[in-house]
Amino acid sequence: MVFLREIGKSEVLGLNRKKDKVRTHRQMTLRGAAVEAFKSSALISWRSNGKLQQTIGGCIEKTGTTLHSGNQSTVRIWPELAGKGRYFDFNSRLIPASIDFAEESPLCTTLRKDGHSVGTVEHLLSALEGIGVDNCRIEVINSDNDDPSAEIPIFDGSAREWVEAIEQVGVTAAMDFNGKSCDKVAPYLTQPVHVSKGDSVISAFPSKQISISYGINFPQVPALSLQWFSSVFSTDSFYSKQIAPSRTFCIYEEVEKMRSAGLIKGGSLENAVVFSISKGLMNPPLRLPEEPCRHKILDLIGDISLFARNGSQGLPVANIIAYKGGHALHAKFVRQLSGTV
């Protein structure tokens, strides 16, 4: 009996050693991947921003109508380990929230992998980036289980409901496989970057802090016309109070044309600020001054969040100036930062 028990103990020790080797190899692989992901380039220097990687304190579940398809979808956001980053889980397919999986789509940002896609991700990703949720699994459940395309609910057209849901469960330090916290790194711009298409442009310049200025110009709509909003992200609450509540906007006379193209089937006066060429603002009041410009910043943050990797910050520490941009130009800017243009 003693002999058998000693053999059992030896076998257990052997198995433990094998597990330790596997765990060590996995950790070395993860560290190697992280080092590769955070290699500085001619444009970007990856450095600690003095914070820890974070995740949410509990599960979030929200159901709502989607903007373009008009269908219902449910989103569950789950806490995740440090270094895992943000990713979507749709029909058991994992789609990283990365520029590598972004595709051209009208009026929204869509991520696609292996024939499955998740659209209108920008408001949710903007809230996660803006509040500092670096690691999470985003489960998406379609009302149609056979449809390989899903969409994130639009709610009121802003990121406010996502921010409120995150604040309700709280944000906490994310731990790695060993139960240890991890430093958060951020991309610091080291050289000017410029992308454009026609008269639409995004330029970014090295800076010690994050600042974003966004301009729009709709000369055919007097109530919109030319306006700018400039912001400096100097406090943790700036995003939640000054950017997140701003709603998407549209021009009333273009609504039918968009619907004829199969878009904004779920759009209404309840989830967008609507301007008319002849009648002005159709659903006053605005929540904030220059609300349309603020919403463009909201979209930009969501799209730039696709630059994040392994639980890092996606938004570069830079002075960013955008004029008449959109999701396609935002993606081009991120690809320029990534060196894939």
Protein backbone atom coordinates (compact mmCIF):
# COMPACT_ATOMS: atom_id res chain seq x y z
CA MET A 1 0.00 0.00 0.00
CA VAL A 2 2.82 2.37 0.86
CA PHE A 3 4.61 1.47 -2.39
CA LEU A 4 1.47 2.13 -4.45
CA ARG A 5 0.85 5.38 -2.63
CA GLU A 6 4.41 6.53 -3.31
CA ILE A 7 4.02 5.73 -7.03
CA GLY A 8 0.78 7.73 -7.06
CA LYS A 9 2.53 10.68 -5.45
CA SER A 10 5.35 10.48 -7.99
CA GLU A 11 2.89 10.42 -10.84
CA VAL A 12 1.09 13.43 -9.45
CA LEU A 13 4.38 15.31 -9.14
CA GLY A 14 5.20 14.35 -12.73
CA LEU A 15 1.83 15.59 -13.95
CA ASN A 16 2.28 18.83 -12.04
CA ARG A 17 5.68 19.34 -13.63
CA LYS A 18 4.13 18.78 -17.08
CA LYS A 19 1.36 21.26 -16.28
CA ASP A 20 3.95 23.79 -15.10
CA LYS A 21 5.87 23.37 -18.37
CA VAL A 22 2.69 23.85 -20.41
CA ARG A 23 1.71 26.89 -18.34
CA THR A 24 5.21 28.36 -18.61
CA HIS A 25 5.24 27.78 -22.37
CA ARG A 26 1.82 29.43 -22.72
CA GLN A 27 2.94 32.41 -20.64
CA MET A 28 6.14 32.75 -22.68
CA THR A 29 4.07 32.58 -25.87
CA LEU A 30 1.72 35.27 -24.56
CA ARG A 31 4.65 37.44 -23.48
CA GLY A 32 6.26 36.95 -26.88
CA ALA A 33 3.04 37.92 -28.62
CA ALA A 34 2.71 40.96 -26.38
CA VAL A 35 6.28 42.07 -27.11
CA GLU A 36 5.62 41.68 -30.84
CA ALA A 37 2.32 43.58 -30.55
CA PHE A 38 3.93 46.51 -28.73
CA LYS A 39 6.98 46.99 -30.91
CA SER A 40 7.43 50.71 -31.39
CA SER A 41 7.50 51.99 -34.96
CA ALA A 42 8.46 55.18 -36.77
CA LEU A 43 5.05 56.60 -35.84
CA ILE A 44 4.19 55.03 -32.48
CA SER A 45 6.02 54.54 -29.20
CA TRP A 46 4.24 52.11 -26.87
CA ARG A 47 4.72 53.18 -23.25
CA SER A 48 3.09 52.65 -19.89
CA ASN A 49 0.50 55.31 -19.09
CA GLY A 50 0.80 54.72 -15.34
CA LYS A 51 -2.47 52.80 -15.11
CA LEU A 52 -3.45 49.14 -14.82
CA GLN A 53 -5.41 47.16 -17.40
CA GLN A 54 -9.07 47.02 -16.45
CA THR A 55 -12.20 44.94 -16.99
CA ILE A 56 -15.81 45.24 -15.86
CA GLY A 57 -16.89 44.24 -12.35
CA GLY A 58 -19.80 42.06 -13.49
CA CYS A 59 -21.85 40.95 -16.48
CA ILE A 60 -23.83 43.53 -18.46
CA GLU A 61 -26.85 42.48 -20.53
CA LYS A 62 -28.84 44.84 -22.76
CA THR A 63 -31.41 44.21 -25.52
CA GLY A 64 -32.58 46.72 -28.10
CA THR A 65 -33.45 47.57 -31.68
CA THR A 66 -30.65 47.79 -34.22
CA LEU A 67 -30.27 50.86 -36.43
CA HIS A 68 -29.88 49.44 -39.92
CA SER A 69 -31.68 46.07 -39.92
CA GLY A 70 -34.34 47.18 -37.45
CA ASN A 71 -34.13 43.78 -35.71
CA GLN A 72 -33.70 43.03 -32.02
CA SER A 73 -30.37 41.89 -30.62
CA THR A 74 -29.00 41.17 -27.16
CA VAL A 75 -25.50 42.02 -25.97
CA ARG A 76 -23.85 40.49 -22.93
CA ILE A 77 -20.50 41.90 -21.84
CA TRP A 78 -18.39 39.61 -19.65
CA PRO A 79 -15.24 40.31 -17.59
CA GLU A 80 -12.02 39.03 -19.14
CA LEU A 81 -8.41 38.38 -18.14
CA ALA A 82 -5.71 41.01 -18.57
CA GLY A 83 -4.03 40.77 -21.95
CA LYS A 84 -7.08 39.33 -23.68
CA GLY A 85 -8.32 42.67 -25.00
CA ARG A 86 -11.83 43.25 -26.31
CA TYR A 87 -13.49 40.77 -28.63
CA PHE A 88 -16.93 39.76 -29.89
CA ASP A 89 -18.45 36.31 -29.44
CA PHE A 90 -21.14 35.74 -32.08
CA ASN A 91 -22.50 32.27 -32.89
CA SER A 92 -19.48 30.83 -31.02
CA ARG A 93 -17.14 32.68 -33.41
CA LEU A 94 -14.63 35.02 -31.80
CA ILE A 95 -14.02 38.29 -33.64
CA PRO A 96 -11.31 40.52 -32.14
CA ALA A 97 -12.12 44.23 -31.90
CA SER A 98 -9.18 44.94 -34.19
CA ILE A 99 -8.63 46.96 -37.34
CA ASP A 100 -7.48 43.70 -38.96
CA PHE A 101 -11.14 42.61 -39.13
CA ALA A 102 -12.78 45.94 -40.02
CA GLU A 103 -14.49 46.21 -43.40
CA GLU A 104 -16.00 48.98 -45.45
CA SER A 105 -19.71 49.39 -44.70
CA PRO A 106 -22.06 52.36 -45.14
CA LEU A 107 -22.77 54.56 -42.13
CA CYS A 108 -21.23 52.23 -39.53
CA THR A 109 -18.22 50.12 -38.60
CA THR A 110 -18.44 46.37 -39.16
CA LEU A 111 -16.08 43.59 -38.03
CA ARG A 112 -16.01 40.35 -40.04
CA LYS A 113 -14.28 37.00 -39.61
CA ASP A 114 -14.91 33.56 -41.13
CA GLY A 115 -18.15 34.61 -42.80
CA HIS A 116 -19.71 36.12 -39.66
CA SER A 117 -19.97 39.83 -38.94
CA VAL A 118 -20.99 42.26 -36.20
CA GLY A 119 -22.03 45.74 -37.32
CA THR A 120 -22.56 49.17 -35.74
CA VAL A 121 -19.92 48.43 -33.11
CA GLU A 122 -18.61 52.00 -32.83
CA HIS A 123 -20.80 53.34 -30.00
CA LEU A 124 -20.19 50.35 -27.72
CA LEU A 125 -16.45 50.30 -28.44
CA SER A 126 -16.30 54.05 -27.89
CA ALA A 127 -17.85 53.64 -24.43
CA LEU A 128 -15.45 50.82 -23.52
CA GLU A 129 -12.42 52.79 -24.71
CA GLY A 130 -13.65 56.05 -23.20
CA ILE A 131 -14.34 54.54 -19.76
CA GLY A 132 -11.23 52.35 -19.81
CA VAL A 133 -12.58 48.79 -20.13
CA ASP A 134 -9.57 47.20 -21.80
CA ASN A 135 -10.50 43.52 -21.58
CA CYS A 136 -13.95 41.98 -22.08
CA ARG A 137 -15.88 39.39 -24.05
CA ILE A 138 -18.84 40.85 -25.93
CA GLU A 139 -21.44 38.18 -26.60
CA VAL A 140 -23.97 39.07 -29.30
CA ILE A 141 -27.25 37.17 -29.70
CA ASN A 142 -29.36 37.69 -32.81
CA SER A 143 -33.14 37.44 -32.94
CA ASP A 144 -32.54 35.35 -36.09
CA ASN A 145 -30.22 32.48 -35.15
CA ASP A 146 -29.57 31.58 -38.82
CA ASP A 147 -28.36 35.05 -39.81
CA PRO A 148 -24.52 35.22 -39.99
CA SER A 149 -24.67 39.00 -39.53
CA ALA A 150 -25.43 40.70 -36.22
CA GLU A 151 -25.73 44.33 -35.21
CA ILE A 152 -25.31 46.15 -31.89
CA PRO A 153 -28.49 47.92 -30.63
CA ILE A 154 -28.65 51.65 -31.30
CA PHE A 155 -30.60 52.65 -28.13
CA ASP A 156 -30.84 56.48 -28.12
CA GLY A 157 -28.12 56.95 -30.76
CA SER A 158 -25.40 57.81 -28.26
CA ALA A 159 -23.06 55.87 -25.95
CA ARG A 160 -24.81 57.04 -22.77
CA GLU A 161 -26.68 53.79 -22.03
CA TRP A 162 -23.47 51.78 -22.39
CA VAL A 163 -21.61 54.15 -20.07
CA GLU A 164 -24.39 53.96 -17.47
CA ALA A 165 -24.40 50.16 -17.65
CA ILE A 166 -20.60 50.05 -17.19
CA GLU A 167 -20.76 52.46 -14.25
CA GLN A 168 -23.48 50.33 -12.64
CA VAL A 169 -21.31 47.17 -12.49
CA GLY A 170 -18.08 49.11 -12.00
CA VAL A 171 -14.61 48.83 -13.48
CA THR A 172 -11.87 46.84 -11.77
CA ALA A 173 -8.24 45.86 -12.34
CA ALA A 174 -7.97 42.91 -14.71
CA MET A 175 -5.83 39.98 -13.57
CA ASP A 176 -3.76 37.66 -15.75
CA PHE A 177 -3.55 33.83 -15.62
CA ASN A 178 -1.47 34.08 -12.45
CA GLY A 179 -3.84 36.46 -10.67
CA LYS A 180 -1.54 39.43 -11.16
CA SER A 181 -2.41 42.88 -12.46
CA CYS A 182 -0.80 44.18 -15.65
CA ASP A 183 0.43 47.62 -16.60
CA LYS A 184 -1.54 49.36 -19.32
CA VAL A 185 0.41 50.68 -22.27
CA ALA A 186 -0.66 53.45 -24.60
CA PRO A 187 0.42 54.46 -28.12
CA TYR A 188 2.27 57.78 -28.12
CA LEU A 189 2.47 59.43 -31.53
CA THR A 190 6.03 60.41 -32.43
CA GLN A 191 5.54 61.91 -35.91
CA PRO A 192 2.72 63.76 -37.69
CA VAL A 193 0.18 61.58 -39.51
CA HIS A 194 -2.13 62.72 -42.28
CA VAL A 195 -4.87 60.88 -44.20
CA SER A 196 -7.45 62.34 -46.55
CA LYS A 197 -10.06 61.62 -49.18
CA GLY A 198 -11.32 64.55 -51.21
CA ASP A 199 -11.87 67.42 -48.79
CA SER A 200 -12.15 65.08 -45.79
CA VAL A 201 -9.04 64.93 -43.65
CA ILE A 202 -7.60 63.63 -40.38
CA SER A 203 -4.26 64.93 -39.13
CA ALA A 204 -2.53 64.02 -35.88
CA PHE A 205 0.51 65.52 -34.19
CA PRO A 206 2.71 64.44 -31.26
CA SER A 207 1.44 65.74 -27.93
CA LYS A 208 1.76 65.12 -24.20
CA GLN A 209 -2.01 64.70 -23.84
CA ILE A 210 -5.00 63.48 -25.83
CA SER A 211 -6.90 66.24 -27.59
CA ILE A 212 -9.40 65.92 -30.43
CA SER A 213 -10.92 68.64 -32.61
CA TYR A 214 -13.63 67.73 -35.11
CA GLY A 215 -15.28 69.88 -37.75
CA ILE A 216 -18.36 69.25 -39.91
CA ASN A 217 -19.73 71.26 -42.81
CA PHE A 218 -23.22 70.92 -44.26
CA PRO A 219 -23.76 74.20 -46.14
CA GLN A 220 -27.10 72.95 -47.51
CA VAL A 221 -28.47 72.64 -43.95
CA PRO A 222 -28.44 76.06 -42.24
CA ALA A 223 -29.14 74.54 -38.81
CA LEU A 224 -25.95 72.45 -39.13
CA SER A 225 -23.70 74.41 -41.47
CA LEU A 226 -20.05 74.70 -40.36
CA GLN A 227 -19.18 73.92 -36.75
CA TRP A 228 -16.27 72.65 -34.66
CA PHE A 229 -15.80 71.14 -31.23
CA SER A 230 -12.42 70.79 -29.51
CA SER A 231 -11.77 68.62 -26.48
CA VAL A 232 -8.92 67.79 -24.14
CA PHE A 233 -9.24 64.46 -22.31
CA SER A 234 -7.71 65.68 -19.06
CA THR A 235 -10.05 63.90 -16.61
CA ASP A 236 -11.54 60.41 -16.42
CA SER A 237 -15.07 61.84 -16.38
CA PHE A 238 -14.71 64.03 -19.47
CA TYR A 239 -15.78 61.29 -21.87
CA SER A 240 -18.83 60.17 -19.88
CA LYS A 241 -20.14 63.74 -19.39
CA GLN A 242 -19.08 65.59 -22.56
CA ILE A 243 -18.93 62.97 -25.32
CA ALA A 244 -21.00 59.87 -24.47
CA PRO A 245 -24.42 61.62 -24.34
CA SER A 246 -24.10 63.04 -27.88
CA ARG A 247 -26.43 61.36 -30.40
CA THR A 248 -25.95 60.42 -34.01
CA PHE A 249 -27.53 62.82 -36.49
CA CYS A 250 -29.00 62.78 -39.98
CA ILE A 251 -30.59 65.02 -42.61
CA TYR A 252 -34.33 64.48 -42.93
CA GLU A 253 -34.40 64.87 -46.71
CA GLU A 254 -31.90 61.98 -47.07
CA VAL A 255 -33.78 59.50 -44.86
CA GLU A 256 -35.92 57.93 -47.61
CA LYS A 257 -32.89 57.48 -49.86
CA MET A 258 -31.07 55.65 -47.06
CA ARG A 259 -34.07 53.44 -46.34
CA SER A 260 -34.37 52.59 -50.03
CA ALA A 261 -30.75 51.39 -49.80
CA GLY A 262 -31.74 49.05 -46.94
CA LEU A 263 -30.29 51.26 -44.20
CA ILE A 264 -31.62 52.85 -40.97
CA LYS A 265 -34.73 50.61 -40.84
CA GLY A 266 -34.61 51.03 -37.06
CA GLY A 267 -33.98 54.77 -37.16
CA SER A 268 -36.41 57.24 -35.57
CA LEU A 269 -36.65 60.58 -33.82
CA GLU A 270 -35.92 58.63 -30.62
CA ASN A 271 -32.41 57.55 -31.64
CA ALA A 272 -31.04 60.40 -33.77
CA VAL A 273 -30.88 64.16 -33.97
CA VAL A 274 -32.74 65.03 -37.18
CA PHE A 275 -32.04 68.19 -39.16
CA SER A 276 -34.12 69.39 -42.10
CA ILE A 277 -32.85 71.61 -44.89
CA SER A 278 -35.97 73.78 -44.71
CA LYS A 279 -37.31 73.20 -41.18
CA GLY A 280 -34.12 73.12 -39.12
CA LEU A 281 -33.82 70.92 -36.03
CA MET A 282 -36.86 68.63 -35.96
CA ASN A 283 -36.53 67.12 -32.47
CA PRO A 284 -35.14 69.77 -30.12
CA PRO A 285 -33.46 70.39 -27.83
CA LEU A 286 -29.85 69.40 -28.33
CA ARG A 287 -28.32 67.74 -25.30
CA LEU A 288 -25.06 69.64 -25.60
CA PRO A 289 -23.68 72.54 -27.68
CA GLU A 290 -22.19 71.31 -30.97
CA GLU A 291 -23.74 67.89 -30.28
CA PRO A 292 -23.18 66.65 -33.89
CA CYS A 293 -19.44 67.43 -33.64
CA ARG A 294 -19.22 65.72 -30.26
CA HIS A 295 -20.87 62.66 -31.76
CA LYS A 296 -18.26 62.59 -34.51
CA ILE A 297 -15.63 62.47 -31.76
CA LEU A 298 -17.59 59.63 -30.13
CA ASP A 299 -17.51 57.70 -33.42
CA LEU A 300 -13.82 58.47 -33.93
CA ILE A 301 -12.92 57.10 -30.48
CA GLY A 302 -14.90 53.93 -31.20
CA ASP A 303 -13.17 53.42 -34.54
CA ILE A 304 -9.69 54.26 -33.20
CA SER A 305 -10.25 51.76 -30.37
CA LEU A 306 -9.60 49.13 -33.05
CA PHE A 307 -5.91 50.07 -32.72
CA ALA A 308 -5.86 48.52 -29.22
CA ARG A 309 -4.14 45.17 -28.72
CA ASN A 310 -3.64 42.78 -25.79
CA GLY A 311 -5.52 45.04 -23.38
CA SER A 312 -3.75 48.26 -24.34
CA GLN A 313 -5.20 51.70 -24.90
CA GLY A 314 -6.26 52.21 -28.50
CA LEU A 315 -6.59 55.99 -28.59
CA PRO A 316 -3.16 57.49 -29.28
CA VAL A 317 -1.72 60.20 -27.09
CA ALA A 318 -1.76 62.91 -29.73
CA ASN A 319 -3.42 66.09 -30.93
CA ILE A 320 -5.96 64.84 -33.49
CA ILE A 321 -7.75 67.18 -35.89
CA ALA A 322 -10.50 65.82 -38.16
CA TYR A 323 -12.67 67.56 -40.74
CA LYS A 324 -15.65 66.02 -42.55
CA GLY A 325 -14.50 62.51 -41.68
CA GLY A 326 -16.46 59.28 -41.51
CA HIS A 327 -15.99 55.64 -40.59
CA ALA A 328 -14.00 54.82 -43.75
CA LEU A 329 -11.54 57.66 -43.17
CA HIS A 330 -11.30 56.77 -39.46
CA ALA A 331 -10.33 53.22 -40.47
CA LYS A 332 -7.77 54.54 -42.93
CA PHE A 333 -6.25 56.60 -40.13
CA VAL A 334 -5.98 53.55 -37.85
CA ARG A 335 -4.40 51.52 -40.67
CA GLN A 336 -1.89 54.33 -41.17
CA LEU A 337 -0.99 54.12 -37.48
CA SER A 338 -0.73 50.33 -37.80
CA GLY A 339 1.53 50.60 -40.86
CA THR A 340 -0.89 48.60 -43.03
CA VAL A 341 -1.83 51.34 -45.53
